[in-house]
PDB file of N, CA and C in Angstrom:
ATOM      1  N   MET A   1     105.015 133.911 308.255  1.00  0.00           N
ATOM      2  CA  MET A   1     103.826 133.777 309.013  1.00  0.00           C
ATOM      3  C   MET A   1     103.916 132.660 310.133  1.00  0.00           C
ATOM      4  N   ASN A   2     103.922 132.669 311.104  1.00  0.00           N
ATOM      5  CA  ASN A   2     103.846 131.139 311.913  1.00  0.00           C
ATOM      6  C   ASN A   2     102.632 130.288 310.766  1.00  0.00           C
ATOM      7  N   LYS A   3     102.829 128.639 311.810  1.00  0.00           N
ATOM      8  CA  LYS A   3     101.590 128.035 310.711  1.00  0.00           C
ATOM      9  C   LYS A   3     102.044 127.591 312.053  1.00  0.00           C
ATOM     10  N   ALA A   4     100.958 126.360 312.641  1.00  0.00           N
ATOM     11  CA  ALA A   4      99.753 125.898 312.081  1.00  0.00           C
ATOM     12  C   ALA A   4      99.157 124.205 312.171  1.00  0.00           C
ATOM     13  N   TYR A   5      99.090 123.371 312.635  1.00  0.00           N
ATOM     14  CA  TYR A   5      98.750 122.075 312.939  1.00  0.00           C
ATOM     15  C   TYR A   5      96.874 122.181 312.815  1.00  0.00           C
ATOM     16  N   ILE A   6      96.258 122.399 311.750  1.00  0.00           N
ATOM     17  CA  ILE A   6      94.796 122.005 311.567  1.00  0.00           C
ATOM     18  C   ILE A   6      93.960 120.264 311.900  1.00  0.00           C
ATOM     19  N   VAL A   7      93.150 120.074 313.246  1.00  0.00           N
ATOM     20  CA  VAL A   7      92.348 118.112 312.955  1.00  0.00           C
ATOM     21  C   VAL A   7      91.713 118.659 312.462  1.00  0.00           C
ATOM     22  N   LYS A   8      90.564 118.361 311.111  1.00  0.00           N
ATOM     23  CA  LYS A   8      89.116 117.946 310.897  1.00  0.00           C
ATOM     24  C   LYS A   8      88.180 116.602 311.324  1.00  0.00           C
ATOM     25  N   CYS A   9      87.065 117.204 311.082  1.00  0.00           N
ATOM     26  CA  CYS A   9      86.441 115.817 311.240  1.00  0.00           C
ATOM     27  C   CYS A   9      85.801 115.948 310.030  1.00  0.00           C
ATOM     28  N   LYS A  10      85.377 114.448 309.870  1.00  0.00           N
ATOM     29  CA  LYS A  10      85.078 114.231 307.708  1.00  0.00           C
ATOM     30  C   LYS A  10      83.871 114.917 307.464  1.00  0.00           C
ATOM     31  N   CYS A  11      83.361 115.507 308.790  1.00  0.00           N
ATOM     32  CA  CYS A  11      81.984 116.920 309.047  1.00  0.00           C
ATOM     33  C   CYS A  11      82.666 118.021 308.526  1.00  0.00           C
ATOM     34  N   GLY A  12      84.039 117.760 307.891  1.00  0.00           N
ATOM     35  CA  GLY A  12      85.063 119.178 307.806  1.00  0.00           C
ATOM     36  C   GLY A  12      85.122 120.317 308.614  1.00  0.00           C
ATOM     37  N   GLY A  13      84.437 120.385 309.434  1.00  0.00           N
ATOM     38  CA  GLY A  13      84.865 121.365 310.788  1.00  0.00           C
ATOM     39  C   GLY A  13      85.889 120.727 310.982  1.00  0.00           C
ATOM     40  N   MET A  14      86.468 121.762 311.906  1.00  0.00           N
ATOM     41  CA  MET A  14      88.083 121.891 312.770  1.00  0.00           C
ATOM     42  C   MET A  14      87.250 120.753 314.324  1.00  0.00           C
ATOM     43  N   VAL A  15      88.603 120.236 314.858  1.00  0.00           N
ATOM     44  CA  VAL A  15      87.975 119.948 315.768  1.00  0.00           C
ATOM     45  C   VAL A  15      89.150 120.038 317.221  1.00  0.00           C
ATOM     46  N   ALA A  16      90.478 120.826 316.525  1.00  0.00           N
ATOM     47  CA  ALA A  16      91.507 120.441 317.160  1.00  0.00           C
ATOM     48  C   ALA A  16      92.604 121.695 316.779  1.00  0.00           C
ATOM     49  N   ALA A  17      93.360 122.374 317.210  1.00  0.00           N
ATOM     50  CA  ALA A  17      94.750 122.889 316.035  1.00  0.00           C
ATOM     51  C   ALA A  17      95.537 123.436 317.392  1.00  0.00           C
ATOM     52  N   VAL A  18      96.827 122.585 316.241  1.00  0.00           N
ATOM     53  CA  VAL A  18      98.082 123.004 317.230  1.00  0.00           C
ATOM     54  C   VAL A  18      99.219 123.492 316.600  1.00  0.00           C
ATOM     55  N   MET A  19     100.077 124.713 317.461  1.00  0.00           N
ATOM     56  CA  MET A  19     100.596 125.581 316.828  1.00  0.00           C
ATOM     57  C   MET A  19     101.515 124.675 316.289  1.00  0.00           C
ATOM     58  N   ASP A  20     102.071 124.793 315.963  1.00  0.00           N
ATOM     59  CA  ASP A  20     103.611 124.599 315.044  1.00  0.00           C
ATOM     60  C   ASP A  20     105.267 125.389 315.987  1.00  0.00           C
ATOM     61  N   ASN A  21     105.205 124.696 316.972  1.00  0.00           N
ATOM     62  CA  ASN A  21     106.787 125.845 317.861  1.00  0.00           C
ATOM     63  C   ASN A  21     108.497 124.935 317.852  1.00  0.00           C
ATOM     64  N   PRO A  22     108.383 125.697 317.270  1.00  0.00           N
ATOM     65  CA  PRO A  22     110.303 124.903 316.594  1.00  0.00           C
ATOM     66  C   PRO A  22     110.232 124.695 318.796  1.00  0.00           C
ATOM     67  N   ASN A  23     109.839 125.493 319.389  1.00  0.00           N
ATOM     68  CA  ASN A  23     110.514 124.297 321.230  1.00  0.00           C
ATOM     69  C   ASN A  23     109.915 123.323 321.466  1.00  0.00           C
ATOM     70  N   HIS A  24     108.620 122.460 320.591  1.00  0.00           N
ATOM     71  CA  HIS A  24     107.956 121.835 320.718  1.00  0.00           C
ATOM     72  C   HIS A  24     107.651 120.750 320.365  1.00  0.00           C
ATOM     73  N   LYS A  25     109.163 120.274 319.632  1.00  0.00           N
ATOM     74  CA  LYS A  25     108.374 119.317 318.534  1.00  0.00           C
ATOM     75  C   LYS A  25     108.083 117.906 318.305  1.00  0.00           C
ATOM     76  N   GLU A  26     108.364 117.594 319.219  1.00  0.00           N
ATOM     77  CA  GLU A  26     108.485 115.725 319.511  1.00  0.00           C
ATOM     78  C   GLU A  26     106.346 116.332 320.952  1.00  0.00           C
ATOM     79  N   ASP A  27     106.599 117.301 321.682  1.00  0.00           N
ATOM     80  CA  ASP A  27     105.156 117.869 321.522  1.00  0.00           C
ATOM     81  C   ASP A  27     104.239 117.366 320.649  1.00  0.00           C
ATOM     82  N   THR A  28     104.200 118.640 319.558  1.00  0.00           N
ATOM     83  CA  THR A  28     103.865 118.474 317.689  1.00  0.00           C
ATOM     84  C   THR A  28     103.516 117.353 317.893  1.00  0.00           C
ATOM     85  N   ALA A  29     104.960 116.777 317.413  1.00  0.00           N
ATOM     86  CA  ALA A  29     104.496 115.779 316.648  1.00  0.00           C
ATOM     87  C   ALA A  29     103.810 114.417 317.292  1.00  0.00           C
ATOM     88  N   LYS A  30     103.683 114.160 318.633  1.00  0.00           N
ATOM     89  CA  LYS A  30     102.776 113.011 319.507  1.00  0.00           C
ATOM     90  C   LYS A  30     101.806 113.837 319.107  1.00  0.00           C
ATOM     91  N   GLU A  31     101.182 115.001 318.915  1.00  0.00           N
ATOM     92  CA  GLU A  31      98.943 115.445 319.340  1.00  0.00           C
ATOM     93  C   GLU A  31      99.312 114.881 317.563  1.00  0.00           C
ATOM     94  N   VAL A  32      99.971 115.522 317.116  1.00  0.00           N
ATOM     95  CA  VAL A  32      99.315 114.598 315.032  1.00  0.00           C
ATOM     96  C   VAL A  32      98.983 113.715 315.251  1.00  0.00           C
ATOM     97  N   ALA A  33     100.453 113.059 315.445  1.00  0.00           N
ATOM     98  CA  ALA A  33     100.385 111.213 315.227  1.00  0.00           C
ATOM     99  C   ALA A  33      98.571 110.962 315.849  1.00  0.00           C
ATOM    100  N   GLY A  34      98.281 111.090 317.201  1.00  0.00           N
ATOM    101  CA  GLY A  34      97.686 110.779 317.810  1.00  0.00           C
ATOM    102  C   GLY A  34      96.104 110.862 317.058  1.00  0.00           C
ATOM    103  N   CYS A  35      96.651 112.167 316.646  1.00  0.00           N
ATOM    104  CA  CYS A  35      95.141 112.863 315.643  1.00  0.00           C
ATOM    105  C   CYS A  35      95.072 111.501 314.148  1.00  0.00           C
ATOM    106  N   ILE A  36      96.240 112.041 313.844  1.00  0.00           N
ATOM    107  CA  ILE A  36      96.107 110.512 312.488  1.00  0.00           C
ATOM    108  C   ILE A  36      95.398 108.649 312.296  1.00  0.00           C
ATOM    109  N   GLN A  37      96.816 108.928 313.558  1.00  0.00           N
ATOM    110  CA  GLN A  37      95.880 107.937 313.867  1.00  0.00           C
ATOM    111  C   GLN A  37      94.377 107.986 314.361  1.00  0.00           C
ATOM    112  N   ALA A  38      93.562 108.435 315.482  1.00  0.00           N
ATOM    113  CA  ALA A  38      92.068 108.248 315.058  1.00  0.00           C
ATOM    114  C   ALA A  38      91.411 108.433 313.626  1.00  0.00           C
ATOM    115  N   GLY A  39      91.851 109.047 312.511  1.00  0.00           N
ATOM    116  CA  GLY A  39      91.905 109.601 311.367  1.00  0.00           C
ATOM    117  C   GLY A  39      90.800 110.107 311.243  1.00  0.00           C
ATOM    118  N   TYR A  40      91.793 111.503 311.231  1.00  0.00           N
ATOM    119  CA  TYR A  40      91.962 112.702 311.131  1.00  0.00           C
ATOM    120  C   TYR A  40      91.981 113.164 309.951  1.00  0.00           C
ATOM    121  N   THR A  41      91.488 114.485 309.449  1.00  0.00           N
ATOM    122  CA  THR A  41      93.068 114.771 308.338  1.00  0.00           C
ATOM    123  C   THR A  41      93.475 115.710 309.587  1.00  0.00           C
ATOM    124  N   VAL A  42      94.735 116.224 308.944  1.00  0.00           N
ATOM    125  CA  VAL A  42      96.136 116.413 309.719  1.00  0.00           C
ATOM    126  C   VAL A  42      95.703 118.203 308.302  1.00  0.00           C
ATOM    127  N   GLU A  43      95.792 118.845 308.390  1.00  0.00           N
ATOM    128  CA  GLU A  43      96.782 120.440 307.647  1.00  0.00           C
ATOM    129  C   GLU A  43      96.943 120.990 308.720  1.00  0.00           C
ATOM    130  N   ARG A  44      98.246 121.478 307.607  1.00  0.00           N
ATOM    131  CA  ARG A  44      99.666 122.379 307.821  1.00  0.00           C
ATOM    132  C   ARG A  44      99.018 124.016 307.382  1.00  0.00           C
ATOM    133  N   VAL A  45      98.954 125.292 308.511  1.00  0.00           N
ATOM    134  CA  VAL A  45      98.292 126.277 307.745  1.00  0.00           C
ATOM    135  C   VAL A  45      99.336 127.114 308.432  1.00  0.00           C
ATOM    136  N   ASP A  46      98.240 128.157 307.642  1.00  0.00           N
ATOM    137  CA  ASP A  46      99.422 129.411 307.872  1.00  0.00           C
ATOM    138  C   ASP A  46      98.167 129.633 309.335  1.00  0.00           C
ATOM    139  N   CYS A  47      98.261 130.251 310.374  1.00  0.00           N
ATOM    140  CA  CYS A  47      97.986 130.285 311.681  1.00  0.00           C
ATOM    141  C   CYS A  47      96.502 131.233 310.871  1.00  0.00           C
ATOM    142  N   GLU A  48      96.790 132.309 310.089  1.00  0.00           N
ATOM    143  CA  GLU A  48      95.519 133.691 310.203  1.00  0.00           C
ATOM    144  C   GLU A  48      94.241 131.774 310.023  1.00  0.00           C
ATOM    145  N   VAL A  49      94.710 131.012 308.930  1.00  0.00           N
ATOM    146  CA  VAL A  49      94.022 129.799 308.871  1.00  0.00           C
ATOM    147  C   VAL A  49      93.119 129.281 309.301  1.00  0.00           C
ATOM    148  N   VAL A  50      93.687 128.818 310.921  1.00  0.00           N
ATOM    149  CA  VAL A  50      93.187 128.411 311.976  1.00  0.00           C
ATOM    150  C   VAL A  50      91.951 129.681 311.970  1.00  0.00           C
ATOM    151  N   ARG A  51      92.176 131.256 312.382  1.00  0.00           N
ATOM    152  CA  ARG A  51      91.207 131.534 312.996  1.00  0.00           C
ATOM    153  C   ARG A  51      90.328 131.253 311.783  1.00  0.00           C
ATOM    154  N   ASN A  52      90.135 131.725 310.930  1.00  0.00           N
ATOM    155  CA  ASN A  52      88.478 131.072 309.153  1.00  0.00           C
ATOM    156  C   ASN A  52      88.462 130.220 309.205  1.00  0.00           C
ATOM    157  N   THR A  53      88.982 129.092 310.076  1.00  0.00           N
ATOM    158  CA  THR A  53      88.310 127.921 310.550  1.00  0.00           C
ATOM    159  C   THR A  53      87.178 127.673 311.063  1.00  0.00           C
ATOM    160  N   GLU A  54      85.954 127.265 310.394  1.00  0.00           N
ATOM    161  CA  GLU A  54      84.543 127.069 311.368  1.00  0.00           C
ATOM    162  C   GLU A  54      84.817 125.200 312.470  1.00  0.00           C
ATOM    163  N   TRP A  55      84.062 125.089 312.526  1.00  0.00           N
ATOM    164  CA  TRP A  55      84.961 124.833 314.102  1.00  0.00           C
ATOM    165  C   TRP A  55      83.386 123.187 313.442  1.00  0.00           C
ATOM    166  N   CYS A  56      83.959 122.215 313.770  1.00  0.00           N
ATOM    167  CA  CYS A  56      83.206 121.072 313.723  1.00  0.00           C
ATOM    168  C   CYS A  56      81.528 121.287 314.531  1.00  0.00           C
ATOM    169  N   LYS A  57      80.971 121.452 314.065  1.00  0.00           N
ATOM    170  CA  LYS A  57      78.730 121.551 314.498  1.00  0.00           C
ATOM    171  C   LYS A  57      78.955 119.635 314.873  1.00  0.00           C
ATOM    172  N   CYS A  58      79.576 119.019 314.415  1.00  0.00           N
ATOM    173  CA  CYS A  58      79.507 117.259 315.554  1.00  0.00           C
ATOM    174  C   CYS A  58      78.855 117.586 317.299  1.00  0.00           C
ATOM    175  N   LYS A  59      77.880 116.677 317.965  1.00  0.00           N
ATOM    176  CA  LYS A  59      77.580 117.218 319.562  1.00  0.00           C
ATOM    177  C   LYS A  59      79.437 116.755 319.617  1.00  0.00           C
ATOM    178  N   PRO A  60      79.230 118.077 320.856  1.00  0.00           N
ATOM    179  CA  PRO A  60      80.479 117.627 321.588  1.00  0.00           C
ATOM    180  C   PRO A  60      80.465 116.380 322.621  1.00  0.00           C
ATOM    181  N   GLN A  61      81.477 115.860 322.636  1.00  0.00           N
ATOM    182  CA  GLN A  61      82.217 114.269 323.973  1.00  0.00           C
ATOM    183  C   GLN A  61      81.284 115.508 326.216  1.00  0.00           C
ATOM    184  N   LYS A  62      81.020 115.383 326.540  1.00  0.00           N
ATOM    185  CA  LYS A  62      80.486 116.556 327.814  1.00  0.00           C
ATOM    186  C   LYS A  62      81.582 116.036 328.679  1.00  0.00           C
ATOM    187  N   SER A  63      83.575 115.182 328.646  1.00  0.00           N
ATOM    188  CA  SER A  63      84.362 114.974 329.515  1.00  0.00           C
ATOM    189  C   SER A  63      85.639 115.458 328.808  1.00  0.00           C
ATOM    190  N   LYS A  64      86.555 115.968 329.097  1.00  0.00           N
ATOM    191  CA  LYS A  64      87.917 116.987 328.963  1.00  0.00           C
ATOM    192  C   LYS A  64      88.570 114.873 327.895  1.00  0.00           C
ATOM    193  N   GLY A  65      89.463 116.336 327.139  1.00  0.00           N
ATOM    194  CA  GLY A  65      90.369 115.060 326.198  1.00  0.00           C
ATOM    195  C   GLY A  65      90.054 114.676 325.935  1.00  0.00           C
ATOM    196  N   THR A  66      88.531 114.473 324.621  1.00  0.00           N
ATOM    197  CA  THR A  66      88.173 113.459 323.385  1.00  0.00           C
ATOM    198  C   THR A  66      87.972 114.856 322.045  1.00  0.00           C
ATOM    199  N   LEU A  67      87.732 113.746 321.214  1.00  0.00           N
ATOM    200  CA  LEU A  67      87.235 114.678 319.495  1.00  0.00           C
ATOM    201  C   LEU A  67      86.224 114.111 319.444  1.00  0.00           C
ATOM    202  N   PRO A  68      85.148 114.346 318.047  1.00  0.00           N
ATOM    203  CA  PRO A  68      84.334 113.474 318.721  1.00  0.00           C
ATOM    204  C   PRO A  68      84.596 112.814 317.313  1.00  0.00           C
ATOM    205  N   LEU A  69      83.966 111.605 316.813  1.00  0.00           N
ATOM    206  CA  LEU A  69      84.330 110.564 316.251  1.00  0.00           C
ATOM    207  C   LEU A  69      84.308 110.774 314.617  1.00  0.00           C
ATOM    208  N   ASN A  70      85.318 110.144 313.562  1.00  0.00           N
ATOM    209  CA  ASN A  70      85.725 111.328 312.896  1.00  0.00           C
ATOM    210  C   ASN A  70      84.126 110.458 311.992  1.00  0.00           C
ATOM    211  N   ASP A  71      83.760 111.188 311.793  1.00  0.00           N
ATOM    212  CA  ASP A  71      82.168 109.738 310.737  1.00  0.00           C
ATOM    213  C   ASP A  71      81.975 110.682 310.662  1.00  0.00           C
ATOM    214  N   GLY A  72      81.282 112.443 310.899  1.00  0.00           N
ATOM    215  CA  GLY A  72      80.754 112.572 310.372  1.00  0.00           C
ATOM    216  C   GLY A  72      79.609 113.100 310.769  1.00  0.00           C
ATOM    217  N   SER A  73      79.152 112.549 311.759  1.00  0.00           N
ATOM    218  CA  SER A  73      77.583 111.732 312.380  1.00  0.00           C
ATOM    219  C   SER A  73      77.595 113.226 314.179  1.00  0.00           C
ATOM    220  N   SER A  74      76.068 112.883 314.249  1.00  0.00           N
ATOM    221  CA  SER A  74      76.475 114.140 315.053  1.00  0.00           C
ATOM    222  C   SER A  74      75.940 112.477 316.621  1.00  0.00           C
ATOM    223  N   SER A  75      76.665 112.140 316.660  1.00  0.00           N
ATOM    224  CA  SER A  75      76.752 110.695 317.855  1.00  0.00           C
ATOM    225  C   SER A  75      77.602 110.979 317.988  1.00  0.00           C
ATOM    226  N   PRO A  76      76.898 110.741 319.740  1.00  0.00           N
ATOM    227  CA  PRO A  76      77.408 111.754 321.500  1.00  0.00           C
ATOM    228  C   PRO A  76      78.317 110.994 321.594  1.00  0.00           C
ATOM    229  N   GLU A  77      78.747 109.516 320.889  1.00  0.00           N
ATOM    230  CA  GLU A  77      80.774 108.697 321.180  1.00  0.00           C
ATOM    231  C   GLU A  77      81.087 109.293 320.420  1.00  0.00           C
ATOM    232  N   ARG A  78      82.896 108.931 321.144  1.00  0.00           N
ATOM    233  CA  ARG A  78      83.288 109.659 320.843  1.00  0.00           C
ATOM    234  C   ARG A  78      85.089 108.861 320.577  1.00  0.00           C
ATOM    235  N   SER A  79      85.761 109.701 320.514  1.00  0.00           N
ATOM    236  CA  SER A  79      87.250 108.409 319.956  1.00  0.00           C
ATOM    237  C   SER A  79      88.430 109.753 321.120  1.00  0.00           C
ATOM    238  N   ARG A  80      88.504 108.993 321.846  1.00  0.00           N
ATOM    239  CA  ARG A  80      89.944 109.738 323.026  1.00  0.00           C
ATOM    240  C   ARG A  80      91.176 109.308 322.059  1.00  0.00           C
ATOM    241  N   ILE A  81      92.633 110.530 322.465  1.00  0.00           N
ATOM    242  CA  ILE A  81      93.237 110.342 321.531  1.00  0.00           C
ATOM    243  C   ILE A  81      94.312 110.655 322.939  1.00  0.00           C
TER     244      ILE A  81
END
């Protein structure tokens, strides 16, 4: 079964998912490391888990390339990875 990394906010919702593709090991490692550095919980799971995980309910950022602050609040401020 294919694997992926899910990135979770402190609220428990998923804020991102990264496929664990052997052809892109360096890119995957860089993305996962950035999420961990930003304080998110990262789990390696079956792809089916990604499809069934609820998304973060924190207020989304207006600009691209950002994730919610990992504080479980609905603050409009975001952390850039």
